[in-house]
Amino acid sequence: LIYAVFISSAMCYGLITWLNKHMPSSVVTSFWPFQVPVALVLSKIVGLDGINVLQGIGGLTIASGLVLVSAAEIQREHMKL
């Protein structure tokens, strides 16, 4: 629990802060839900907790949504040119 709260949260908020400087705000905001799957995967790597089927499906759903938002942002940028 301490690992998930401090390490994972600090890492994700650090990445969000960095992204705010380098990416459009719509892309940064869309990646906020990604903190949950990252915490689950890192928790599994460290050996603190396992990932069940529903957590895996949820993580894949979030990742798929992020890919779609990123692809739409790239397409929007190409249309501006």
PDB file of N, CA and C in Angstrom:
ATOM      1  N   LEU A   1       0.823  -1.187   0.000  1.00  0.00           N
ATOM      2  CA  LEU A   1       0.000   0.000   0.000  1.00  0.00           C
ATOM      3  C   LEU A   1       0.872   1.257   0.000  1.00  0.00           C
ATOM      4  N   ILE A   2       1.897   1.264   0.822  1.00  0.00           N
ATOM      5  CA  ILE A   2       2.789   2.425   0.867  1.00  0.00           C
ATOM      6  C   ILE A   2       3.454   2.631  -0.488  1.00  0.00           C
ATOM      7  N   TYR A   3       3.860   1.518  -1.112  1.00  0.00           N
ATOM      8  CA  TYR A   3       4.483   1.613  -2.433  1.00  0.00           C
ATOM      9  C   TYR A   3       3.531   2.240  -3.433  1.00  0.00           C
ATOM     10  N   ALA A   4       2.299   1.743  -3.482  1.00  0.00           N
ATOM     11  CA  ALA A   4       1.325   2.232  -4.457  1.00  0.00           C
ATOM     12  C   ALA A   4       0.984   3.693  -4.212  1.00  0.00           C
ATOM     13  N   VAL A   5       0.916   4.083  -2.953  1.00  0.00           N
ATOM     14  CA  VAL A   5       0.528   5.455  -2.633  1.00  0.00           C
ATOM     15  C   VAL A   5       1.657   6.429  -2.937  1.00  0.00           C
ATOM     16  N   PHE A   6       2.847   6.145  -2.462  1.00  0.00           N
ATOM     17  CA  PHE A   6       3.922   7.131  -2.569  1.00  0.00           C
ATOM     18  C   PHE A   6       4.720   7.029  -3.865  1.00  0.00           C
ATOM     19  N   ILE A   7       5.225   5.862  -4.172  1.00  0.00           N
ATOM     20  CA  ILE A   7       6.093   5.711  -5.347  1.00  0.00           C
ATOM     21  C   ILE A   7       5.298   5.893  -6.644  1.00  0.00           C
ATOM     22  N   SER A   8       4.227   5.137  -6.785  1.00  0.00           N
ATOM     23  CA  SER A   8       3.452   5.195  -8.020  1.00  0.00           C
ATOM     24  C   SER A   8       2.817   6.569  -8.211  1.00  0.00           C
ATOM     25  N   SER A   9       2.240   7.120  -7.165  1.00  0.00           N
ATOM     26  CA  SER A   9       1.611   8.435  -7.285  1.00  0.00           C
ATOM     27  C   SER A   9       2.639   9.512  -7.612  1.00  0.00           C
ATOM     28  N   ALA A  10       3.771   9.471  -6.950  1.00  0.00           N
ATOM     29  CA  ALA A  10       4.814  10.471  -7.211  1.00  0.00           C
ATOM     30  C   ALA A  10       5.311  10.360  -8.647  1.00  0.00           C
ATOM     31  N   MET A  11       5.489   9.135  -9.132  1.00  0.00           N
ATOM     32  CA  MET A  11       5.961   8.945 -10.490  1.00  0.00           C
ATOM     33  C   MET A  11       4.929   9.460 -11.499  1.00  0.00           C
ATOM     34  N   CYS A  12       3.669   9.116 -11.291  1.00  0.00           N
ATOM     35  CA  CYS A  12       2.633   9.542 -12.230  1.00  0.00           C
ATOM     36  C   CYS A  12       2.446  11.054 -12.213  1.00  0.00           C
ATOM     37  N   TYR A  13       2.430  11.662 -11.042  1.00  0.00           N
ATOM     38  CA  TYR A  13       2.282  13.114 -10.990  1.00  0.00           C
ATOM     39  C   TYR A  13       3.503  13.820 -11.566  1.00  0.00           C
ATOM     40  N   GLY A  14       4.672  13.239 -11.398  1.00  0.00           N
ATOM     41  CA  GLY A  14       5.865  13.796 -12.023  1.00  0.00           C
ATOM     42  C   GLY A  14       5.773  13.750 -13.535  1.00  0.00           C
ATOM     43  N   LEU A  15       5.292  12.629 -14.067  1.00  0.00           N
ATOM     44  CA  LEU A  15       5.119  12.516 -15.514  1.00  0.00           C
ATOM     45  C   LEU A  15       4.054  13.486 -16.026  1.00  0.00           C
ATOM     46  N   ILE A  16       2.981  13.657 -15.274  1.00  0.00           N
ATOM     47  CA  ILE A  16       1.929  14.591 -15.670  1.00  0.00           C
ATOM     48  C   ILE A  16       2.478  16.012 -15.715  1.00  0.00           C
ATOM     49  N   THR A  17       3.270  16.369 -14.721  1.00  0.00           N
ATOM     50  CA  THR A  17       3.868  17.703 -14.687  1.00  0.00           C
ATOM     51  C   THR A  17       4.790  17.914 -15.884  1.00  0.00           C
ATOM     52  N   TRP A  18       5.604  16.923 -16.187  1.00  0.00           N
ATOM     53  CA  TRP A  18       6.505  17.025 -17.332  1.00  0.00           C
ATOM     54  C   TRP A  18       5.709  17.136 -18.635  1.00  0.00           C
ATOM     55  N   LEU A  19       4.658  16.314 -18.761  1.00  0.00           N
ATOM     56  CA  LEU A  19       3.853  16.338 -19.980  1.00  0.00           C
ATOM     57  C   LEU A  19       3.140  17.667 -20.175  1.00  0.00           C
ATOM     58  N   ASN A  20       2.730  18.314 -19.080  1.00  0.00           N
ATOM     59  CA  ASN A  20       2.061  19.611 -19.193  1.00  0.00           C
ATOM     60  C   ASN A  20       2.938  20.637 -19.902  1.00  0.00           C
ATOM     61  N   LYS A  21       4.242  20.481 -19.800  1.00  0.00           N
ATOM     62  CA  LYS A  21       5.159  21.414 -20.456  1.00  0.00           C
ATOM     63  C   LYS A  21       5.368  21.086 -21.928  1.00  0.00           C
ATOM     64  N   HIS A  22       5.137  19.827 -22.317  1.00  0.00           N
ATOM     65  CA  HIS A  22       5.524  19.387 -23.655  1.00  0.00           C
ATOM     66  C   HIS A  22       4.370  18.924 -24.556  1.00  0.00           C
ATOM     67  N   MET A  23       3.171  18.780 -24.001  1.00  0.00           N
ATOM     68  CA  MET A  23       2.051  18.239 -24.784  1.00  0.00           C
ATOM     69  C   MET A  23       0.827  19.132 -24.616  1.00  0.00           C
ATOM     70  N   PRO A  24      -0.147  19.017 -25.532  1.00  0.00           N
ATOM     71  CA  PRO A  24      -1.410  19.745 -25.363  1.00  0.00           C
ATOM     72  C   PRO A  24      -2.156  19.251 -24.121  1.00  0.00           C
ATOM     73  N   SER A  25      -2.923  20.125 -23.521  1.00  0.00           N
ATOM     74  CA  SER A  25      -3.610  19.774 -22.276  1.00  0.00           C
ATOM     75  C   SER A  25      -4.618  18.648 -22.455  1.00  0.00           C
ATOM     76  N   SER A  26      -5.228  18.521 -23.630  1.00  0.00           N
ATOM     77  CA  SER A  26      -6.197  17.440 -23.851  1.00  0.00           C
ATOM     78  C   SER A  26      -5.527  16.072 -23.781  1.00  0.00           C
ATOM     79  N   VAL A  27      -4.319  15.974 -24.275  1.00  0.00           N
ATOM     80  CA  VAL A  27      -3.592  14.704 -24.225  1.00  0.00           C
ATOM     81  C   VAL A  27      -3.179  14.395 -22.785  1.00  0.00           C
ATOM     82  N   VAL A  28      -2.698  15.406 -22.080  1.00  0.00           N
ATOM     83  CA  VAL A  28      -2.259  15.201 -20.690  1.00  0.00           C
ATOM     84  C   VAL A  28      -3.426  14.761 -19.828  1.00  0.00           C
ATOM     85  N   THR A  29      -4.556  15.425 -19.967  1.00  0.00           N
ATOM     86  CA  THR A  29      -5.730  15.080 -19.169  1.00  0.00           C
ATOM     87  C   THR A  29      -6.215  13.672 -19.473  1.00  0.00           C
ATOM     88  N   SER A  30      -6.110  13.248 -20.710  1.00  0.00           N
ATOM     89  CA  SER A  30      -6.568  11.903 -21.062  1.00  0.00           C
ATOM     90  C   SER A  30      -5.705  10.820 -20.431  1.00  0.00           C
ATOM     91  N   PHE A  31      -4.479  11.133 -20.060  1.00  0.00           N
ATOM     92  CA  PHE A  31      -3.597  10.137 -19.464  1.00  0.00           C
ATOM     93  C   PHE A  31      -3.733  10.020 -17.949  1.00  0.00           C
ATOM     94  N   TRP A  32      -4.509  10.872 -17.299  1.00  0.00           N
ATOM     95  CA  TRP A  32      -4.680  10.785 -15.851  1.00  0.00           C
ATOM     96  C   TRP A  32      -5.207   9.431 -15.395  1.00  0.00           C
ATOM     97  N   PRO A  33      -6.193   8.825 -16.073  1.00  0.00           N
ATOM     98  CA  PRO A  33      -6.683   7.513 -15.616  1.00  0.00           C
ATOM     99  C   PRO A  33      -5.635   6.405 -15.738  1.00  0.00           C
ATOM    100  N   PHE A  34      -4.556   6.675 -16.436  1.00  0.00           N
ATOM    101  CA  PHE A  34      -3.521   5.653 -16.637  1.00  0.00           C
ATOM    102  C   PHE A  34      -2.751   5.347 -15.356  1.00  0.00           C
ATOM    103  N   GLN A  35      -2.935   6.164 -14.324  1.00  0.00           N
ATOM    104  CA  GLN A  35      -2.244   5.932 -13.058  1.00  0.00           C
ATOM    105  C   GLN A  35      -2.656   4.601 -12.436  1.00  0.00           C
ATOM    106  N   VAL A  36      -3.899   4.225 -12.574  1.00  0.00           N
ATOM    107  CA  VAL A  36      -4.388   2.975 -11.976  1.00  0.00           C
ATOM    108  C   VAL A  36      -3.726   1.747 -12.605  1.00  0.00           C
ATOM    109  N   PRO A  37      -3.738   1.593 -13.948  1.00  0.00           N
ATOM    110  CA  PRO A  37      -3.064   0.427 -14.512  1.00  0.00           C
ATOM    111  C   PRO A  37      -1.560   0.404 -14.230  1.00  0.00           C
ATOM    112  N   VAL A  38      -0.929   1.568 -14.220  1.00  0.00           N
ATOM    113  CA  VAL A  38       0.506   1.620 -13.925  1.00  0.00           C
ATOM    114  C   VAL A  38       0.764   1.144 -12.504  1.00  0.00           C
ATOM    115  N   ALA A  39      -0.071   1.573 -11.566  1.00  0.00           N
ATOM    116  CA  ALA A  39       0.087   1.131 -10.177  1.00  0.00           C
ATOM    117  C   ALA A  39      -0.105  -0.373 -10.057  1.00  0.00           C
ATOM    118  N   LEU A  40      -1.060  -0.931 -10.796  1.00  0.00           N
ATOM    119  CA  LEU A  40      -1.286  -2.381 -10.752  1.00  0.00           C
ATOM    120  C   LEU A  40      -0.098  -3.161 -11.306  1.00  0.00           C
ATOM    121  N   VAL A  41       0.414  -2.704 -12.443  1.00  0.00           N
ATOM    122  CA  VAL A  41       1.538  -3.407 -13.061  1.00  0.00           C
ATOM    123  C   VAL A  41       2.787  -3.301 -12.192  1.00  0.00           C
ATOM    124  N   LEU A  42       3.071  -2.110 -11.679  1.00  0.00           N
ATOM    125  CA  LEU A  42       4.246  -1.951 -10.820  1.00  0.00           C
ATOM    126  C   LEU A  42       4.103  -2.746  -9.532  1.00  0.00           C
ATOM    127  N   SER A  43       2.890  -2.832  -9.019  1.00  0.00           N
ATOM    128  CA  SER A  43       2.650  -3.626  -7.816  1.00  0.00           C
ATOM    129  C   SER A  43       2.914  -5.107  -8.094  1.00  0.00           C
ATOM    130  N   LYS A  44       2.541  -5.558  -9.274  1.00  0.00           N
ATOM    131  CA  LYS A  44       2.803  -6.951  -9.658  1.00  0.00           C
ATOM    132  C   LYS A  44       4.305  -7.187  -9.828  1.00  0.00           C
ATOM    133  N   ILE A  45       4.998  -6.233 -10.437  1.00  0.00           N
ATOM    134  CA  ILE A  45       6.442  -6.378 -10.651  1.00  0.00           C
ATOM    135  C   ILE A  45       7.179  -6.452  -9.318  1.00  0.00           C
ATOM    136  N   VAL A  46       6.784  -5.582  -8.387  1.00  0.00           N
ATOM    137  CA  VAL A  46       7.431  -5.564  -7.077  1.00  0.00           C
ATOM    138  C   VAL A  46       7.040  -6.792  -6.265  1.00  0.00           C
ATOM    139  N   GLY A  47       5.934  -7.421  -6.616  1.00  0.00           N
ATOM    140  CA  GLY A  47       5.512  -8.641  -5.934  1.00  0.00           C
ATOM    141  C   GLY A  47       4.566  -8.403  -4.780  1.00  0.00           C
ATOM    142  N   LEU A  48       3.941  -7.246  -4.757  1.00  0.00           N
ATOM    143  CA  LEU A  48       3.041  -6.936  -3.650  1.00  0.00           C
ATOM    144  C   LEU A  48       1.645  -7.508  -3.851  1.00  0.00           C
ATOM    145  N   ASP A  49       1.183  -7.554  -5.075  1.00  0.00           N
ATOM    146  CA  ASP A  49      -0.190  -7.955  -5.323  1.00  0.00           C
ATOM    147  C   ASP A  49      -0.296  -8.519  -6.735  1.00  0.00           C
ATOM    148  N   GLY A  50      -1.284  -9.367  -6.939  1.00  0.00           N
ATOM    149  CA  GLY A  50      -1.520  -9.929  -8.257  1.00  0.00           C
ATOM    150  C   GLY A  50      -2.533  -9.104  -9.038  1.00  0.00           C
ATOM    151  N   ILE A  51      -2.650  -9.395 -10.312  1.00  0.00           N
ATOM    152  CA  ILE A  51      -3.614  -8.715 -11.173  1.00  0.00           C
ATOM    153  C   ILE A  51      -4.656  -9.748 -11.566  1.00  0.00           C
ATOM    154  N   ASN A  52      -5.931  -9.457 -11.261  1.00  0.00           N
ATOM    155  CA  ASN A  52      -6.975 -10.398 -11.653  1.00  0.00           C
ATOM    156  C   ASN A  52      -7.500 -10.045 -13.040  1.00  0.00           C
ATOM    157  N   VAL A  53      -8.420 -10.840 -13.538  1.00  0.00           N
ATOM    158  CA  VAL A  53      -8.911 -10.685 -14.913  1.00  0.00           C
ATOM    159  C   VAL A  53      -9.608  -9.344 -15.106  1.00  0.00           C
ATOM    160  N   LEU A  54     -10.451  -8.939 -14.160  1.00  0.00           N
ATOM    161  CA  LEU A  54     -11.170  -7.675 -14.314  1.00  0.00           C
ATOM    162  C   LEU A  54     -10.219  -6.484 -14.304  1.00  0.00           C
ATOM    163  N   GLN A  55      -9.189  -6.530 -13.491  1.00  0.00           N
ATOM    164  CA  GLN A  55      -8.198  -5.456 -13.485  1.00  0.00           C
ATOM    165  C   GLN A  55      -7.459  -5.407 -14.814  1.00  0.00           C
ATOM    166  N   GLY A  56      -7.137  -6.563 -15.363  1.00  0.00           N
ATOM    167  CA  GLY A  56      -6.476  -6.616 -16.665  1.00  0.00           C
ATOM    168  C   GLY A  56      -7.344  -6.053 -17.768  1.00  0.00           C
ATOM    169  N   ILE A  57      -8.626  -6.418 -17.760  1.00  0.00           N
ATOM    170  CA  ILE A  57      -9.557  -5.892 -18.763  1.00  0.00           C
ATOM    171  C   ILE A  57      -9.709  -4.385 -18.610  1.00  0.00           C
ATOM    172  N   GLY A  58      -9.815  -3.915 -17.378  1.00  0.00           N
ATOM    173  CA  GLY A  58      -9.920  -2.473 -17.141  1.00  0.00           C
ATOM    174  C   GLY A  58      -8.691  -1.726 -17.619  1.00  0.00           C
ATOM    175  N   GLY A  59      -7.518  -2.281 -17.347  1.00  0.00           N
ATOM    176  CA  GLY A  59      -6.278  -1.655 -17.800  1.00  0.00           C
ATOM    177  C   GLY A  59      -6.184  -1.604 -19.315  1.00  0.00           C
ATOM    178  N   LEU A  60      -6.581  -2.682 -19.969  1.00  0.00           N
ATOM    179  CA  LEU A  60      -6.573  -2.692 -21.440  1.00  0.00           C
ATOM    180  C   LEU A  60      -7.579  -1.704 -22.014  1.00  0.00           C
ATOM    181  N   THR A  61      -8.722  -1.567 -21.358  1.00  0.00           N
ATOM    182  CA  THR A  61      -9.728  -0.602 -21.809  1.00  0.00           C
ATOM    183  C   THR A  61      -9.189   0.822 -21.701  1.00  0.00           C
ATOM    184  N   ILE A  62      -8.554   1.129 -20.575  1.00  0.00           N
ATOM    185  CA  ILE A  62      -7.974   2.462 -20.396  1.00  0.00           C
ATOM    186  C   ILE A  62      -6.875   2.708 -21.426  1.00  0.00           C
ATOM    187  N   ALA A  63      -5.998   1.726 -21.629  1.00  0.00           N
ATOM    188  CA  ALA A  63      -4.920   1.876 -22.603  1.00  0.00           C
ATOM    189  C   ALA A  63      -5.476   2.069 -24.017  1.00  0.00           C
ATOM    190  N   SER A  64      -6.531   1.341 -24.355  1.00  0.00           N
ATOM    191  CA  SER A  64      -7.147   1.494 -25.681  1.00  0.00           C
ATOM    192  C   SER A  64      -7.714   2.897 -25.862  1.00  0.00           C
ATOM    193  N   GLY A  65      -8.363   3.418 -24.832  1.00  0.00           N
ATOM    194  CA  GLY A  65      -8.896   4.772 -24.891  1.00  0.00           C
ATOM    195  C   GLY A  65      -7.792   5.800 -25.073  1.00  0.00           C
ATOM    196  N   LEU A  66      -6.670   5.583 -24.393  1.00  0.00           N
ATOM    197  CA  LEU A  66      -5.547   6.512 -24.526  1.00  0.00           C
ATOM    198  C   LEU A  66      -4.965   6.486 -25.926  1.00  0.00           C
ATOM    199  N   VAL A  67      -4.895   5.312 -26.507  1.00  0.00           N
ATOM    200  CA  VAL A  67      -4.390   5.207 -27.881  1.00  0.00           C
ATOM    201  C   VAL A  67      -5.323   5.950 -28.837  1.00  0.00           C
ATOM    202  N   LEU A  68      -6.635   5.803 -28.642  1.00  0.00           N
ATOM    203  CA  LEU A  68      -7.593   6.491 -29.508  1.00  0.00           C
ATOM    204  C   LEU A  68      -7.496   8.010 -29.365  1.00  0.00           C
ATOM    205  N   VAL A  69      -7.366   8.499 -28.137  1.00  0.00           N
ATOM    206  CA  VAL A  69      -7.236   9.944 -27.932  1.00  0.00           C
ATOM    207  C   VAL A  69      -5.945  10.458 -28.554  1.00  0.00           C
ATOM    208  N   SER A  70      -4.865   9.723 -28.378  1.00  0.00           N
ATOM    209  CA  SER A  70      -3.586  10.140 -28.953  1.00  0.00           C
ATOM    210  C   SER A  70      -3.643  10.144 -30.475  1.00  0.00           C
ATOM    211  N   ALA A  71      -4.259   9.116 -31.052  1.00  0.00           N
ATOM    212  CA  ALA A  71      -4.384   9.051 -32.507  1.00  0.00           C
ATOM    213  C   ALA A  71      -5.245  10.203 -33.028  1.00  0.00           C
ATOM    214  N   ALA A  72      -6.316  10.540 -32.321  1.00  0.00           N
ATOM    215  CA  ALA A  72      -7.172  11.653 -32.738  1.00  0.00           C
ATOM    216  C   ALA A  72      -6.413  12.976 -32.645  1.00  0.00           C
ATOM    217  N   GLU A  73      -5.586  13.132 -31.619  1.00  0.00           N
ATOM    218  CA  GLU A  73      -4.792  14.365 -31.473  1.00  0.00           C
ATOM    219  C   GLU A  73      -3.778  14.486 -32.607  1.00  0.00           C
ATOM    220  N   ILE A  74      -3.141  13.384 -32.966  1.00  0.00           N
ATOM    221  CA  ILE A  74      -2.178  13.395 -34.075  1.00  0.00           C
ATOM    222  C   ILE A  74      -2.884  13.726 -35.383  1.00  0.00           C
ATOM    223  N   GLN A  75      -4.055  13.121 -35.588  1.00  0.00           N
ATOM    224  CA  GLN A  75      -4.803  13.386 -36.803  1.00  0.00           C
ATOM    225  C   GLN A  75      -5.247  14.857 -36.858  1.00  0.00           C
ATOM    226  N   ARG A  76      -5.635  15.407 -35.729  1.00  0.00           N
ATOM    227  CA  ARG A  76      -6.046  16.811 -35.673  1.00  0.00           C
ATOM    228  C   ARG A  76      -4.877  17.726 -36.004  1.00  0.00           C
ATOM    229  N   GLU A  77      -3.695  17.381 -35.500  1.00  0.00           N
ATOM    230  CA  GLU A  77      -2.502  18.184 -35.790  1.00  0.00           C
ATOM    231  C   GLU A  77      -2.152  18.140 -37.272  1.00  0.00           C
ATOM    232  N   HIS A  78      -2.317  16.969 -37.904  1.00  0.00           N
ATOM    233  CA  HIS A  78      -2.021  16.845 -39.334  1.00  0.00           C
ATOM    234  C   HIS A  78      -3.032  17.624 -40.173  1.00  0.00           C
ATOM    235  N   MET A  79      -4.269  17.715 -39.699  1.00  0.00           N
ATOM    236  CA  MET A  79      -5.280  18.445 -40.439  1.00  0.00           C
ATOM    237  C   MET A  79      -5.042  19.963 -40.383  1.00  0.00           C
ATOM    238  N   LYS A  80      -4.372  20.429 -39.332  1.00  0.00           N
ATOM    239  CA  LYS A  80      -4.049  21.846 -39.221  1.00  0.00           C
ATOM    240  C   LYS A  80      -3.015  22.263 -40.255  1.00  0.00           C
ATOM    241  N   LEU A  81      -2.139  21.330 -40.617  1.00  0.00           N
ATOM    242  CA  LEU A  81      -1.082  21.636 -41.568  1.00  0.00           C
ATOM    243  C   LEU A  81      -1.669  21.704 -42.921  1.00  0.00           C
TER     244      LEU A  81
END
